[in-house]
Amino acid sequence: MTIFHSMNNTASALTAQRLRMDVISSNLANADSARSVNGDGPYRRKSVVLEPKESQFSSYLNKAMGKGSGSVGSGVKVSRIVEDKETPTKMVYDPAHADADANGFVEMPNVDPLREMVDLISATRSYEANVTVFNATKGMMMKALEIGK
């Protein structure tokens, strides 16, 4: 394990949470978009799927037995961004809308602003916690350097 191991872990979490906040912001921005970019219906809510960078059991076992190189638990990564196709879209009655069907209903995105705001608060708090960890680690390293003076 290097001296910067915890900083690398924290940096990966900061990057992942930043992307999560960007995706949530995109969802909120498109909450009223009845037409997607590719034109195949309304905007679909997107979410970020996170996973550990080191997810093989064998790497943990080898590290525990002293055979592995590197470190266990090397941070988090974004594995993919997925569209929410399970949550149904909302049908809104607006016969004057350009995308209204024959009955006057418009298919609107499946984005719930309340849910998005809760997710945004969660991502923000996680980001802030990782910044605190990063600063604490930096402070400990600075104190360790002062000991050597």
Protein backbone atom coordinates (compact mmCIF):
# COMPACT_ATOMS: atom_id res chain seq x y z
CA MET A 1 0.00 0.00 0.00
CA THR A 2 1.35 3.41 -0.93
CA ILE A 3 1.08 6.57 1.08
CA PHE A 4 -1.42 7.91 -1.46
CA HIS A 5 -3.71 4.83 -1.42
CA SER A 6 -6.46 6.47 0.65
CA MET A 7 -6.26 9.63 -1.44
CA ASN A 8 -6.69 7.59 -4.62
CA ASN A 9 -9.71 5.82 -3.13
CA THR A 10 -11.26 9.11 -2.11
CA ALA A 11 -10.53 10.68 -5.49
CA SER A 12 -12.32 7.85 -7.27
CA ALA A 13 -15.35 8.35 -5.03
CA LEU A 14 -15.31 12.10 -5.69
CA THR A 15 -15.26 11.48 -9.44
CA ALA A 16 -18.11 8.97 -9.23
CA GLN A 17 -20.29 11.24 -7.09
CA ARG A 18 -19.62 14.19 -9.39
CA LEU A 19 -20.85 12.15 -12.37
CA ARG A 20 -23.86 11.06 -10.33
CA MET A 21 -24.69 14.72 -9.63
CA ASP A 22 -24.32 15.54 -13.34
CA VAL A 23 -26.75 12.76 -14.32
CA ILE A 24 -29.26 13.88 -11.69
CA SER A 25 -28.98 17.46 -12.98
CA SER A 26 -29.67 16.19 -16.49
CA ASN A 27 -32.74 14.37 -15.23
CA LEU A 28 -34.05 17.51 -13.55
CA ALA A 29 -33.35 19.61 -16.63
CA ASN A 30 -35.34 17.19 -18.80
CA ALA A 31 -38.24 16.64 -16.39
CA ASP A 32 -40.61 18.41 -18.81
CA SER A 33 -39.09 17.22 -22.11
CA ALA A 34 -41.79 15.41 -24.04
CA ARG A 35 -39.39 14.57 -26.85
CA SER A 36 -35.96 12.98 -26.53
CA VAL A 37 -32.95 13.83 -28.69
CA ASN A 38 -33.35 10.77 -30.90
CA GLY A 39 -37.11 11.33 -31.19
CA ASP A 40 -38.32 7.98 -29.88
CA GLY A 41 -40.61 9.27 -27.16
CA PRO A 42 -40.11 11.25 -23.98
CA TYR A 43 -36.88 11.56 -22.03
CA ARG A 44 -36.18 8.57 -19.78
CA ARG A 45 -34.72 8.99 -16.30
CA LYS A 46 -31.07 7.94 -16.09
CA SER A 47 -29.18 6.58 -13.11
CA VAL A 48 -25.55 5.80 -12.38
CA VAL A 49 -24.44 2.29 -11.44
CA LEU A 50 -21.37 2.23 -9.18
CA GLU A 51 -19.18 -0.77 -8.42
CA PRO A 52 -15.87 -1.36 -6.67
CA LYS A 53 -12.79 -1.12 -8.86
CA GLU A 54 -11.47 -4.34 -7.39
CA SER A 55 -14.37 -6.77 -7.32
CA GLN A 56 -12.71 -10.18 -7.65
CA PHE A 57 -12.84 -12.39 -4.57
CA SER A 58 -9.51 -13.94 -5.53
CA SER A 59 -7.75 -10.58 -5.18
CA TYR A 60 -9.06 -10.21 -1.63
CA LEU A 61 -8.11 -13.78 -0.76
CA ASN A 62 -4.60 -13.43 -2.20
CA LYS A 63 -4.08 -10.16 -0.38
CA ALA A 64 -5.23 -11.70 2.92
CA MET A 65 -2.84 -14.62 2.39
CA GLY A 66 0.03 -12.26 1.59
CA LYS A 67 0.35 -13.43 -2.02
CA GLY A 68 -1.20 -10.53 -3.84
CA SER A 69 0.41 -7.34 -4.95
CA GLY A 70 -1.27 -4.01 -4.72
CA SER A 71 -4.02 -3.19 -2.31
CA VAL A 72 -7.48 -4.42 -1.54
CA GLY A 73 -10.28 -1.94 -1.95
CA SER A 74 -8.94 0.35 -4.63
CA GLY A 75 -11.92 2.68 -4.85
CA VAL A 76 -15.13 2.90 -6.80
CA LYS A 77 -15.91 3.25 -10.48
CA VAL A 78 -18.92 3.99 -12.62
CA SER A 79 -19.77 0.80 -14.43
CA ARG A 80 -22.56 2.28 -16.58
CA ILE A 81 -25.35 4.80 -16.85
CA VAL A 82 -28.72 3.14 -17.35
CA GLU A 83 -32.10 4.39 -18.47
CA ASP A 84 -35.08 3.67 -16.23
CA LYS A 85 -37.38 1.72 -18.55
CA GLU A 86 -39.40 0.13 -15.73
CA THR A 87 -41.02 3.26 -14.32
CA PRO A 88 -43.95 4.24 -16.52
CA THR A 89 -44.11 7.64 -18.18
CA LYS A 90 -46.81 10.13 -17.23
CA MET A 91 -49.71 10.89 -19.52
CA VAL A 92 -50.73 14.56 -19.38
CA TYR A 93 -53.82 15.96 -21.06
CA ASP A 94 -52.73 18.87 -23.26
CA PRO A 95 -54.45 18.86 -26.67
CA ALA A 96 -52.58 22.02 -27.74
CA HIS A 97 -49.17 20.37 -27.34
CA ALA A 98 -47.31 19.47 -30.55
CA ASP A 99 -46.72 15.89 -29.34
CA ALA A 100 -50.32 15.23 -28.27
CA ASP A 101 -51.94 12.03 -29.52
CA ALA A 102 -55.42 11.76 -31.06
CA ASN A 103 -57.02 11.90 -27.58
CA GLY A 104 -55.04 15.01 -26.54
CA PHE A 105 -52.62 13.23 -24.20
CA VAL A 106 -48.87 13.88 -24.16
CA GLU A 107 -46.43 11.27 -22.90
CA MET A 108 -44.12 12.99 -20.38
CA PRO A 109 -40.85 11.74 -18.84
CA ASN A 110 -40.73 9.36 -15.88
CA VAL A 111 -38.66 11.86 -13.88
CA ASP A 112 -39.92 12.59 -10.36
CA PRO A 113 -38.34 15.90 -9.21
CA LEU A 114 -38.75 14.97 -5.53
CA ARG A 115 -36.88 11.69 -6.00
CA GLU A 116 -34.19 13.47 -8.00
CA MET A 117 -33.73 16.08 -5.27
CA VAL A 118 -33.37 13.35 -2.62
CA ASP A 119 -30.78 11.61 -4.81
CA LEU A 120 -29.00 14.92 -5.37
CA ILE A 121 -28.84 15.60 -1.63
CA SER A 122 -27.48 12.09 -1.08
CA ALA A 123 -24.81 12.52 -3.76
CA THR A 124 -23.88 15.95 -2.41
CA ARG A 125 -23.52 14.63 1.15
CA SER A 126 -21.40 11.74 -0.07
CA TYR A 127 -19.23 14.15 -2.04
CA GLU A 128 -18.81 16.38 1.03
CA ALA A 129 -17.91 13.38 3.20
CA ASN A 130 -15.23 12.33 0.72
CA VAL A 131 -13.83 15.86 0.64
CA THR A 132 -13.59 15.71 4.45
CA VAL A 133 -11.77 12.37 4.26
CA PHE A 134 -9.41 13.74 1.61
CA ASN A 135 -8.60 16.81 3.73
CA ALA A 136 -8.09 14.70 6.86
CA THR A 137 -5.70 12.42 4.98
CA LYS A 138 -3.85 15.43 3.64
CA GLY A 139 -3.62 16.86 7.18
CA MET A 140 -2.20 13.59 8.53
CA MET A 141 0.40 13.52 5.78
CA MET A 142 1.38 17.09 6.54
CA LYS A 143 1.76 16.25 10.25
CA ALA A 144 3.90 13.24 9.34
CA LEU A 145 6.17 15.50 7.27
CA GLU A 146 6.46 17.95 10.18
CA ILE A 147 7.71 15.13 12.42
CA GLY A 148 10.66 14.71 10.10
CA LYS A 149 11.78 18.34 10.48
